[in-house]
Protein backbone atom coordinates (compact mmCIF):
# COMPACT_ATOMS: atom_id res chain seq x y z
CA MET A 1 0.00 0.00 0.00
CA THR A 2 1.30 3.46 -0.87
CA LEU A 3 2.12 5.84 1.97
CA ARG A 4 2.72 9.56 1.68
CA LEU A 5 6.14 10.09 3.23
CA ALA A 6 8.77 12.67 4.01
CA PHE A 7 12.29 11.26 3.90
CA MET A 8 14.86 12.92 6.15
CA GLY A 9 18.50 11.93 5.65
CA SER A 10 21.87 13.29 4.62
CA PRO A 11 24.82 10.86 4.06
CA ASP A 12 25.17 8.02 1.59
CA PHE A 13 24.17 5.57 4.35
CA ALA A 14 20.59 6.78 3.79
CA LEU A 15 20.57 6.34 0.00
CA PRO A 16 19.59 2.64 -0.15
CA ALA A 17 16.63 3.36 2.15
CA LEU A 18 15.38 6.23 0.02
CA ALA A 19 15.85 4.24 -3.19
CA ALA A 20 13.99 1.27 -1.68
CA LEU A 21 11.05 3.42 -0.61
CA ILE A 22 10.78 4.86 -4.12
CA GLU A 23 11.03 1.37 -5.64
CA ALA A 24 8.29 0.15 -3.29
CA GLY A 25 5.97 2.77 -4.77
CA HIS A 26 5.62 5.10 -1.81
CA ASP A 27 4.76 8.75 -2.46
CA ILE A 28 7.81 10.75 -1.36
CA ALA A 29 6.20 14.14 -0.78
CA CYS A 30 9.45 15.83 0.21
CA VAL A 31 13.06 15.06 1.10
CA TYR A 32 14.73 16.91 3.96
CA SER A 33 18.52 17.01 4.17
CA GLN A 34 21.35 19.00 5.73
CA PRO A 35 22.21 22.29 3.97
CA PRO A 36 25.00 22.25 1.35
CA ARG A 37 28.50 22.64 2.77
CA PRO A 38 31.85 23.68 1.31
CA ALA A 39 33.84 20.67 0.09
CA GLY A 40 36.81 19.81 -2.09
CA ARG A 41 39.83 21.91 -2.92
CA GLY A 42 37.73 24.76 -4.23
CA LYS A 43 35.55 24.74 -1.11
CA GLN A 44 32.46 25.04 -3.27
CA GLU A 45 29.15 24.25 -1.62
CA ARG A 46 27.92 20.74 -2.36
CA PRO A 47 24.57 19.15 -1.56
CA THR A 48 24.50 16.07 0.64
CA PRO A 49 24.38 12.69 -1.14
CA VAL A 50 20.69 12.37 -0.25
CA ALA A 51 19.84 15.86 -1.53
CA ALA A 52 21.70 15.26 -4.80
CA PHE A 53 20.01 11.89 -5.34
CA ALA A 54 16.55 13.23 -4.52
CA ALA A 55 16.98 16.16 -6.91
CA SER A 56 18.08 13.76 -9.67
CA ARG A 57 14.80 11.88 -9.18
CA GLY A 58 12.72 15.06 -9.42
CA LEU A 59 11.76 15.11 -5.73
CA GLU A 60 11.25 18.29 -3.75
CA VAL A 61 14.26 18.91 -1.50
CA ARG A 62 14.30 21.12 1.59
CA THR A 63 17.50 21.94 3.47
CA PRO A 64 16.56 24.01 6.55
CA LYS A 65 19.22 24.79 9.12
CA SER A 66 16.67 24.10 11.86
CA LEU A 67 13.15 22.73 12.24
CA ARG A 68 12.41 24.73 15.37
CA SER A 69 10.67 27.70 13.74
CA ALA A 70 6.94 28.18 13.30
CA ASP A 71 7.42 28.48 9.55
CA ALA A 72 9.36 25.21 9.33
CA GLU A 73 6.77 23.40 11.43
CA ALA A 74 3.87 24.79 9.36
CA ALA A 75 5.55 23.84 6.08
CA PHE A 76 6.08 20.30 7.37
CA ALA A 77 2.50 19.96 8.61
CA ALA A 78 1.19 21.20 5.25
CA LEU A 79 2.65 18.09 3.59
CA ARG A 80 -0.15 16.04 5.22
CA LEU A 81 2.05 12.99 5.65
CA ASP A 82 1.26 9.46 6.64
CA ALA A 83 4.75 9.12 8.13
CA ALA A 84 8.23 10.62 8.17
CA ILE A 85 11.28 8.40 7.77
CA VAL A 86 14.57 9.52 9.33
CA VAL A 87 17.91 7.95 8.37
CA ALA A 88 21.03 9.75 9.63
CA TYR A 89 19.46 13.17 9.10
CA GLY A 90 21.50 15.17 11.59
CA LEU A 91 18.85 17.59 12.93
CA ILE A 92 16.73 17.28 16.05
CA LEU A 93 12.99 16.88 15.36
CA PRO A 94 10.95 19.03 17.77
CA LYS A 95 7.64 17.82 19.16
CA PRO A 96 5.39 19.54 16.53
CA ILE A 97 7.34 17.80 13.76
CA LEU A 98 7.17 14.43 15.52
CA GLU A 99 3.41 14.74 15.96
CA ALA A 100 2.51 16.01 12.47
CA PRO A 101 2.40 12.75 10.39
CA ARG A 102 -0.67 10.54 10.75
CA LEU A 103 1.31 7.45 11.78
CA GLY A 104 4.30 9.20 13.32
CA CYS A 105 8.03 9.58 12.65
CA PHE A 106 10.30 6.54 12.38
CA ASN A 107 14.07 6.28 12.55
CA LEU A 108 16.29 3.63 10.98
CA HIS A 109 19.14 3.35 13.49
CA GLY A 110 22.44 1.51 13.00
CA SER A 111 22.75 -0.37 16.28
CA LEU A 112 20.90 -2.76 18.59
CA LEU A 113 19.27 -0.32 20.97
CA PRO A 114 19.65 0.66 23.73
CA ARG A 115 23.33 -0.01 22.97
CA TRP A 116 24.96 2.83 21.05
CA ARG A 117 22.35 5.54 21.05
CA GLY A 118 23.63 8.66 19.36
CA ALA A 119 25.76 9.90 16.48
CA ALA A 120 28.36 7.21 15.73
CA PRO A 121 26.82 3.78 16.47
CA ILE A 122 28.62 1.82 13.75
CA GLN A 123 32.06 3.17 14.57
CA ARG A 124 31.57 2.64 18.30
CA ALA A 125 30.39 -0.94 17.87
CA VAL A 126 33.54 -1.87 15.92
CA MET A 127 35.83 0.08 18.26
CA ALA A 128 34.33 -1.66 21.28
CA GLY A 129 34.89 -5.11 19.79
CA ASP A 130 31.18 -5.97 19.75
CA ALA A 131 30.42 -9.42 18.36
CA LYS A 132 27.28 -8.28 16.57
CA THR A 133 25.26 -5.22 15.63
CA GLY A 134 22.27 -4.50 13.44
CA VAL A 135 19.65 -2.01 12.34
CA GLN A 136 16.36 -1.20 13.99
CA VAL A 137 13.25 0.74 13.04
CA MET A 138 12.23 2.85 16.00
CA ARG A 139 9.31 5.18 16.67
CA MET A 140 10.82 8.57 17.39
CA GLU A 141 10.29 10.42 20.66
CA GLU A 142 11.75 13.65 21.99
CA GLY A 143 14.57 11.74 23.73
CA LEU A 144 17.76 10.70 21.92
CA ASP A 145 17.05 7.29 20.34
CA THR A 146 14.77 6.31 23.22
CA GLY A 147 11.62 5.25 21.37
CA PRO A 148 10.08 1.78 21.12
CA VAL A 149 11.44 -0.60 18.50
CA LEU A 150 9.24 -1.97 15.70
CA ALA A 151 11.72 -4.21 13.86
CA THR A 152 15.28 -5.52 14.12
CA SER A 153 17.79 -7.16 11.80
CA GLU A 154 21.13 -8.36 13.21
CA THR A 155 24.50 -9.04 11.60
CA PRO A 156 27.76 -10.35 13.10
CA ILE A 157 30.83 -8.11 13.20
CA ALA A 158 33.63 -10.14 11.66
CA ALA A 159 37.26 -9.91 12.74
CA ASP A 160 38.10 -8.20 9.43
CA ASP A 161 35.14 -5.80 9.32
CA THR A 162 35.90 -2.11 9.06
CA THR A 163 33.32 0.54 9.76
CA GLY A 164 33.20 1.18 6.00
CA ALA A 165 32.31 -2.44 5.20
CA LEU A 166 29.78 -2.65 8.03
CA TYR A 167 28.29 0.72 7.06
CA ASP A 168 27.57 -0.52 3.53
CA ARG A 169 26.13 -3.82 4.76
CA LEU A 170 23.85 -2.20 7.33
CA ALA A 171 22.62 0.35 4.79
CA GLN A 172 21.39 -2.45 2.52
CA ILE A 173 19.93 -4.51 5.38
CA GLY A 174 18.21 -1.42 6.74
CA ALA A 175 16.60 -0.53 3.43
CA SER A 176 14.89 -3.92 3.21
CA LEU A 177 13.87 -3.83 6.87
CA LEU A 178 12.36 -0.38 6.46
CA VAL A 179 10.21 -1.29 3.46
CA ASP A 180 8.96 -4.44 5.19
CA THR A 181 8.22 -2.58 8.42
CA LEU A 182 6.22 0.16 6.69
CA ALA A 183 4.08 -2.44 4.94
CA LYS A 184 3.33 -4.10 8.27
CA LEU A 185 2.72 -0.74 9.94
CA GLU A 186 0.03 0.23 7.46
CA ARG A 187 -1.63 -3.20 7.91
CA GLY A 188 -1.56 -2.83 11.69
CA GLU A 189 0.76 -5.82 12.09
CA THR A 190 3.67 -4.18 13.94
CA ARG A 191 4.35 -4.47 17.64
CA GLU A 192 6.25 -1.72 19.42
CA THR A 193 8.66 -2.99 22.06
CA PRO A 194 9.96 -0.51 24.65
CA GLN A 195 13.71 -0.43 24.98
CA PRO A 196 15.14 -2.05 28.12
CA GLN A 197 16.40 0.29 30.80
CA GLU A 198 19.59 -1.72 31.22
CA GLY A 199 22.52 -1.69 28.81
CA VAL A 200 22.25 1.89 27.61
CA THR A 201 25.43 3.22 25.98
CA TYR A 202 26.04 6.37 23.96
CA ALA A 203 27.85 6.57 20.64
CA HIS A 204 29.39 10.00 20.98
CA LYS A 205 30.94 11.66 17.94
CA ILE A 206 34.55 10.72 17.35
CA ALA A 207 36.82 13.32 18.95
CA PRO A 208 40.02 14.22 17.06
CA ALA A 209 42.19 13.14 19.99
CA GLU A 210 40.80 9.59 19.77
CA SER A 211 42.25 8.99 16.33
CA ARG A 212 45.92 8.78 17.32
CA ILE A 213 47.14 5.23 17.98
CA ASP A 214 48.64 4.57 21.40
CA TRP A 215 50.93 1.62 20.78
CA ALA A 216 51.08 0.93 24.53
CA ALA A 217 47.44 -0.22 24.41
CA PRO A 218 46.63 -3.93 23.93
CA ALA A 219 46.71 -5.20 20.34
CA ARG A 220 43.02 -6.13 20.42
CA GLU A 221 42.09 -2.55 21.36
CA ILE A 222 44.36 -1.05 18.69
CA ASP A 223 43.06 -3.39 15.99
CA ALA A 224 39.46 -2.48 16.88
CA LYS A 225 40.29 1.23 16.79
CA ILE A 226 41.97 0.97 13.38
CA ARG A 227 39.04 -0.91 11.85
CA GLY A 228 36.46 1.23 13.67
CA LEU A 229 37.90 4.51 12.40
CA SER A 230 38.29 3.28 8.82
CA PRO A 231 37.78 4.93 6.41
CA HIS A 232 37.01 8.12 8.33
CA PRO A 233 38.61 9.81 10.15
CA GLY A 234 41.31 7.11 10.15
CA ALA A 235 43.48 6.02 13.09
CA TRP A 236 46.98 7.43 12.66
CA PHE A 237 50.58 7.27 13.82
CA GLU A 238 53.81 9.01 12.87
CA LEU A 239 56.69 7.44 10.99
CA ASN A 240 59.83 9.57 10.62
CA GLY A 241 57.75 12.64 11.41
CA VAL A 242 55.12 11.92 8.74
CA ARG A 243 51.51 11.20 9.66
CA ILE A 244 50.27 7.83 8.38
CA LYS A 245 46.71 6.55 8.60
CA ALA A 246 46.23 2.85 9.36
CA LEU A 247 43.00 1.86 7.57
CA ASP A 248 42.98 -1.89 8.18
CA SER A 249 44.78 -4.37 10.39
CA ARG A 250 44.83 -7.89 11.78
CA LEU A 251 45.88 -9.31 15.12
CA ALA A 252 49.31 -10.91 14.89
CA ALA A 253 51.80 -12.87 16.98
CA GLY A 254 54.82 -11.09 18.40
CA VAL A 255 56.28 -9.35 21.42
CA GLY A 256 58.38 -6.21 21.64
CA ALA A 257 58.56 -2.63 22.78
CA PRO A 258 55.27 -0.90 21.90
CA GLY A 259 55.43 0.76 18.49
CA THR A 260 58.39 -1.31 17.26
CA ALA A 261 58.24 -2.98 13.83
CA LEU A 262 58.81 -6.70 14.48
CA ASP A 263 59.54 -7.50 10.81
CA ASP A 264 59.66 -5.72 7.47
CA GLN A 265 55.96 -6.47 6.76
CA LEU A 266 54.46 -3.94 9.18
CA THR A 267 53.86 -6.23 12.14
CA VAL A 268 53.95 -3.80 15.05
CA ALA A 269 54.36 -4.60 18.75
CA CYS A 270 51.67 -3.30 21.10
CA GLY A 271 51.37 -3.14 24.87
CA GLN A 272 50.08 -6.70 24.71
CA GLY A 273 50.52 -8.70 21.49
CA ALA A 274 50.93 -7.21 18.03
CA VAL A 275 49.00 -6.05 14.98
CA ARG A 276 49.83 -6.31 11.29
CA LEU A 277 48.92 -3.23 9.30
CA VAL A 278 47.37 -4.22 5.97
CA ARG A 279 46.17 -0.93 4.46
CA LEU A 280 47.69 2.50 4.95
CA GLN A 281 47.50 6.06 3.71
CA ARG A 282 50.39 8.50 3.74
CA GLU A 283 49.33 12.10 4.38
CA GLY A 284 48.14 13.65 1.13
CA ARG A 285 48.27 10.33 -0.79
CA ALA A 286 45.81 7.61 -1.80
CA PRO A 287 45.21 4.55 0.43
CA LEU A 288 47.44 1.57 -0.44
CA PRO A 289 47.71 -2.11 0.51
CA ALA A 290 50.66 -2.66 2.84
CA ALA A 291 52.80 -4.33 0.14
CA GLU A 292 52.48 -1.30 -2.16
CA PHE A 293 53.01 1.14 0.68
CA LEU A 294 56.23 -0.62 1.68
CA ARG A 295 57.63 -0.45 -1.85
CA GLY A 296 57.59 3.33 -1.60
CA SER A 297 58.22 3.64 2.16
CA PRO A 298 60.11 0.63 3.57
CA VAL A 299 59.66 0.02 7.30
CA PRO A 300 62.47 -2.31 8.44
CA ALA A 301 62.37 -4.45 11.57
CA GLY A 302 63.30 -2.33 14.55
CA ALA A 303 61.79 0.89 13.17
CA ARG A 304 59.77 2.87 15.68
CA LEU A 305 56.24 4.06 15.02
CA ALA A 306 55.17 6.97 17.20
């Protein structure tokens, strides 16, 4: 059954969901996204991925800086929506916005709530070494990711998963879950389950200071940080005074002073154990597999990474 929807999202994580809703035949009355921002070397303003995609499909796009004005609330109410769908939008929805659609506002969230409420759930799950994560469709309330859950789809976090790989997988899983949930919602077949009070954690935005690798930490923690911060912002270290991003790694055998290269293949000693760096990016250069990186920048056994 066709629903009249507003879609509210900004990054490419939201694109599969928007495309799936269009494919399912829903009436996308309007797309809301973050305002354009300067990007690239020329610092020219660019629309978000969602705004660009929506415009290419002939959809109305709105990019307000806030939804907390009477004009913004009236314009939203005038859409006469069945529901609003929020996927990584980036703006807080005030109460009049939440209450305007007939069925309500629903968020596709990239974690298993109440674990990792907030801005960076996928990164935090990988960095914490979680064994699994998932996506959930949640009815939105005024609190931060506190609403009841309508549907869940889980996926394991593999030992070689980066945030980038998990991000892409969850975006596809979430798109299918969202379409299925909306069909059930309109038929009255959904059940809303309140989130448990125990196990609440918050996925705060990644602070710049978190990105630097502390080689004195245990290898398991360093490996999780490297994969969790890949591809953005990238965990980094210094080699001969040059900043290098480590974009992928594996746990490895070896013991030595933290930050010491144990061989010439980028196996690095940590506070406990070792990691092997498998993908790197020199400052101002493209990412490279370790073998290619080493051809241009050899790292012999005994070298120190700071």
